[in-house]
Amino acid sequence: MMSALPSRLLAAVLFAAALPAAQAADNLISNGSFESGSTGWTLIGDATLSSSDAYDGTVSSLLQDVSGSGAAVTTSFSAIAVSEIAELSLWLRNADLGPLSLVVFGYSSGSTGSTVLEDFGNPDWTQFSLLSSLDSSQSLVSLTVYGGTGSASYVDDVLLTRISSAVPEPHSAALFAAGLIGVASLIRRRMQA
């Protein structure tokens, strides 16, 4: 039984080393949390910033159509192929327990796509992942969130990240290789004893 343990340890170490090193990069949406006011965003219609209710931090965007002109926030960014997106999500809260909002995606081809986010009867902040709603053959360039008619919807922490392959620095790879050689030699010595 003791000889099986080192071989299992070596197998586990080799398996971990073979795993892909993909990780998410920084948020590609400027000011996704609205903490810097409307920087990076365009407020449309009755959309405002609110410091009375935020998911994270102290500011969110309040989408409440009070004048009949609608309420939305929109942001644009450099084109990113949908296949390169690791995460696209946002946090919403509907203070009036009605329909939350419509999210419209702008693509570099000039076409658009959309999804309706509904959360009837839930007054709590809810995270919505939008990745499955995207057209995988397109490149995303903008995102617009519309508030529900006659309701107050809060938007916060809009997140867009790109998949990136983490390439280890040479000294990290050398250190890992030295450790792997050390574990292998330790296992070999124990098996010979």
Protein backbone atom coordinates (compact mmCIF):
# COMPACT_ATOMS: atom_id res chain seq x y z
CA MET A 1 0.00 0.00 0.00
CA MET A 2 2.87 2.35 0.78
CA SER A 3 4.32 1.99 -2.73
CA ALA A 4 0.98 2.97 -4.30
CA LEU A 5 0.90 6.29 -2.42
CA PRO A 6 3.98 7.84 -4.11
CA SER A 7 2.75 6.82 -7.58
CA ARG A 8 -0.65 8.34 -6.83
CA LEU A 9 1.04 11.52 -5.61
CA LEU A 10 3.13 11.69 -8.76
CA ALA A 11 0.04 11.10 -10.91
CA ALA A 12 -1.81 13.91 -9.11
CA VAL A 13 1.10 16.32 -9.57
CA LEU A 14 1.40 15.45 -13.27
CA PHE A 15 -2.37 15.82 -13.76
CA ALA A 16 -2.35 19.27 -12.12
CA ALA A 17 0.56 20.33 -14.31
CA ALA A 18 -1.31 19.26 -17.45
CA LEU A 19 -4.41 21.33 -16.69
CA PRO A 20 -4.86 24.35 -18.96
CA ALA A 21 -3.96 27.62 -17.33
CA ALA A 22 -6.88 29.71 -18.62
CA GLN A 23 -8.06 32.54 -16.45
CA ALA A 24 -10.28 35.57 -16.74
CA ALA A 25 -8.71 38.96 -17.33
CA ASP A 26 -9.76 42.36 -15.99
CA ASN A 27 -13.21 43.86 -16.61
CA LEU A 28 -13.38 45.23 -20.17
CA ILE A 29 -16.31 47.49 -19.28
CA SER A 30 -15.11 50.83 -18.00
CA ASN A 31 -16.67 51.63 -14.62
CA GLY A 32 -18.93 48.56 -14.51
CA SER A 33 -19.80 49.36 -10.89
CA PHE A 34 -20.77 53.03 -11.53
CA GLU A 35 -18.46 54.11 -8.70
CA SER A 36 -16.95 56.76 -11.00
CA GLY A 37 -20.36 58.21 -11.84
CA SER A 38 -21.45 57.85 -15.45
CA THR A 39 -17.88 57.62 -16.80
CA GLY A 40 -17.91 55.04 -19.61
CA TRP A 41 -21.72 55.02 -19.76
CA THR A 42 -24.45 57.03 -21.46
CA LEU A 43 -27.59 57.59 -19.39
CA ILE A 44 -30.69 57.56 -21.59
CA GLY A 45 -34.08 59.07 -20.75
CA ASP A 46 -34.87 58.98 -17.05
CA ALA A 47 -31.83 56.87 -16.08
CA THR A 48 -29.93 58.27 -13.10
CA LEU A 49 -27.23 57.26 -10.67
CA SER A 50 -28.30 56.21 -7.20
CA SER A 51 -26.37 56.22 -3.95
CA SER A 52 -29.34 54.85 -2.00
CA ASP A 53 -29.10 51.26 -3.25
CA ALA A 54 -26.05 49.47 -4.64
CA TYR A 55 -25.04 45.82 -4.82
CA ASP A 56 -21.37 46.51 -4.25
CA GLY A 57 -19.85 49.86 -3.35
CA THR A 58 -22.00 52.95 -2.98
CA VAL A 59 -23.41 53.72 -6.45
CA SER A 60 -25.66 51.94 -8.95
CA SER A 61 -27.69 53.02 -11.94
CA LEU A 62 -31.42 53.52 -11.37
CA LEU A 63 -33.58 52.80 -14.40
CA GLN A 64 -37.03 54.21 -13.70
CA ASP A 65 -39.23 55.60 -16.47
CA VAL A 66 -41.00 58.50 -14.74
CA SER A 67 -41.66 60.76 -17.75
CA GLY A 68 -42.55 58.24 -20.45
CA SER A 69 -39.22 58.69 -22.24
CA GLY A 70 -37.79 55.36 -21.04
CA ALA A 71 -34.71 54.71 -18.95
CA ALA A 72 -31.54 52.93 -20.05
CA VAL A 73 -27.77 52.85 -19.69
CA THR A 74 -25.44 51.97 -22.54
CA THR A 75 -21.72 51.41 -22.89
CA SER A 76 -19.40 50.67 -25.82
CA PHE A 77 -16.04 48.95 -25.86
CA SER A 78 -13.49 47.51 -28.29
CA ALA A 79 -14.87 44.59 -30.28
CA ILE A 80 -14.44 41.22 -28.61
CA ALA A 81 -15.30 37.92 -30.30
CA VAL A 82 -18.02 36.15 -28.33
CA SER A 83 -15.86 33.00 -28.37
CA GLU A 84 -13.22 34.94 -26.39
CA ILE A 85 -15.59 36.05 -23.60
CA ALA A 86 -15.08 34.35 -20.25
CA GLU A 87 -17.95 36.13 -18.45
CA LEU A 88 -20.66 38.67 -19.18
CA SER A 89 -22.90 39.35 -16.21
CA LEU A 90 -24.64 42.05 -14.22
CA TRP A 91 -26.47 42.48 -10.95
CA LEU A 92 -30.07 43.74 -10.96
CA ARG A 93 -32.65 44.55 -8.34
CA ASN A 94 -36.25 45.48 -9.00
CA ALA A 95 -37.61 47.63 -6.19
CA ASP A 96 -41.20 47.34 -7.52
CA LEU A 97 -41.28 43.54 -7.96
CA GLY A 98 -42.19 43.85 -11.65
CA PRO A 99 -40.30 42.84 -14.79
CA LEU A 100 -36.65 43.79 -14.51
CA SER A 101 -35.24 44.81 -17.84
CA LEU A 102 -34.26 44.23 -21.43
CA VAL A 103 -30.60 43.85 -22.35
CA VAL A 104 -29.59 44.63 -25.95
CA PHE A 105 -26.24 43.49 -27.34
CA GLY A 106 -24.58 45.44 -30.15
CA TYR A 107 -22.37 43.51 -32.55
CA SER A 108 -19.60 44.79 -34.83
CA SER A 109 -21.62 43.65 -37.87
CA GLY A 110 -24.27 46.25 -37.01
CA SER A 111 -26.80 43.66 -35.89
CA THR A 112 -28.23 43.38 -32.39
CA GLY A 113 -29.45 40.68 -30.07
CA SER A 114 -31.41 40.88 -26.83
CA THR A 115 -32.62 39.05 -23.79
CA VAL A 116 -35.32 39.84 -21.23
CA LEU A 117 -34.36 39.47 -17.58
CA GLU A 118 -37.34 38.69 -15.37
CA ASP A 119 -37.36 38.21 -11.65
CA PHE A 120 -40.98 38.69 -10.53
CA GLY A 121 -41.53 38.88 -6.79
CA ASN A 122 -37.84 38.97 -5.84
CA PRO A 123 -36.78 42.29 -4.26
CA ASP A 124 -33.18 41.11 -3.73
CA TRP A 125 -30.10 41.77 -5.84
CA THR A 126 -29.73 38.97 -8.41
CA GLN A 127 -26.81 38.20 -10.69
CA PHE A 128 -27.66 37.40 -14.30
CA SER A 129 -25.19 35.70 -16.60
CA LEU A 130 -25.67 36.90 -20.16
CA LEU A 131 -23.08 34.77 -21.96
CA SER A 132 -25.56 32.16 -23.22
CA SER A 133 -27.69 34.92 -24.79
CA LEU A 134 -24.92 36.06 -27.15
CA ASP A 135 -24.57 35.13 -30.84
CA SER A 136 -21.41 33.02 -30.91
CA SER A 137 -20.59 34.01 -34.50
CA GLN A 138 -20.38 37.73 -33.66
CA SER A 139 -18.07 40.23 -31.97
CA LEU A 140 -19.64 42.24 -29.15
CA VAL A 141 -19.14 46.06 -29.15
CA SER A 142 -21.88 47.46 -26.88
CA LEU A 143 -24.35 46.67 -24.15
CA THR A 144 -27.57 48.53 -23.32
CA VAL A 145 -29.77 47.82 -20.30
CA TYR A 146 -33.36 49.11 -20.36
CA GLY A 147 -35.47 49.39 -17.23
CA GLY A 148 -38.95 47.90 -17.02
CA THR A 149 -41.95 50.12 -17.73
CA GLY A 150 -43.32 51.66 -14.55
CA SER A 151 -40.82 49.99 -12.28
CA ALA A 152 -37.57 50.98 -10.60
CA SER A 153 -34.68 48.72 -11.61
CA TYR A 154 -31.18 49.09 -10.21
CA VAL A 155 -28.14 47.90 -12.21
CA ASP A 156 -24.69 47.34 -10.73
CA ASP A 157 -21.42 45.47 -11.25
CA VAL A 158 -21.60 44.90 -15.01
CA LEU A 159 -18.74 42.54 -15.85
CA LEU A 160 -17.19 41.56 -19.18
CA THR A 161 -13.98 39.51 -19.13
CA ARG A 162 -11.89 37.92 -21.86
CA ILE A 163 -10.49 34.40 -21.67
CA SER A 164 -6.73 34.56 -21.47
CA SER A 165 -4.11 31.86 -21.41
CA ALA A 166 -1.77 32.33 -18.54
CA VAL A 167 1.77 31.74 -19.76
CA PRO A 168 4.08 31.10 -16.84
CA GLU A 169 7.17 33.24 -16.53
CA PRO A 170 10.41 31.33 -17.24
CA HIS A 171 11.52 31.31 -13.61
CA SER A 172 8.12 29.94 -12.50
CA ALA A 173 8.33 27.12 -15.04
CA ALA A 174 11.91 26.32 -13.97
CA LEU A 175 10.89 26.26 -10.31
CA PHE A 176 7.95 23.99 -11.07
CA ALA A 177 10.19 21.65 -13.11
CA ALA A 178 12.75 21.50 -10.27
CA GLY A 179 9.99 20.61 -7.81
CA LEU A 180 8.65 17.93 -10.14
CA ILE A 181 12.14 16.41 -10.51
CA GLY A 182 12.55 16.47 -6.72
CA VAL A 183 9.23 14.69 -6.15
CA ALA A 184 10.08 12.10 -8.83
CA SER A 185 13.50 11.38 -7.30
CA LEU A 186 11.99 11.09 -3.82
CA ILE A 187 9.45 8.58 -5.10
CA ARG A 188 12.13 6.62 -6.91
CA ARG A 189 14.32 6.44 -3.76
CA ARG A 190 11.41 5.21 -1.66
CA MET A 191 10.54 2.56 -4.20
CA GLN A 192 14.16 1.29 -4.25
CA ALA A 193 14.34 1.10 -0.45
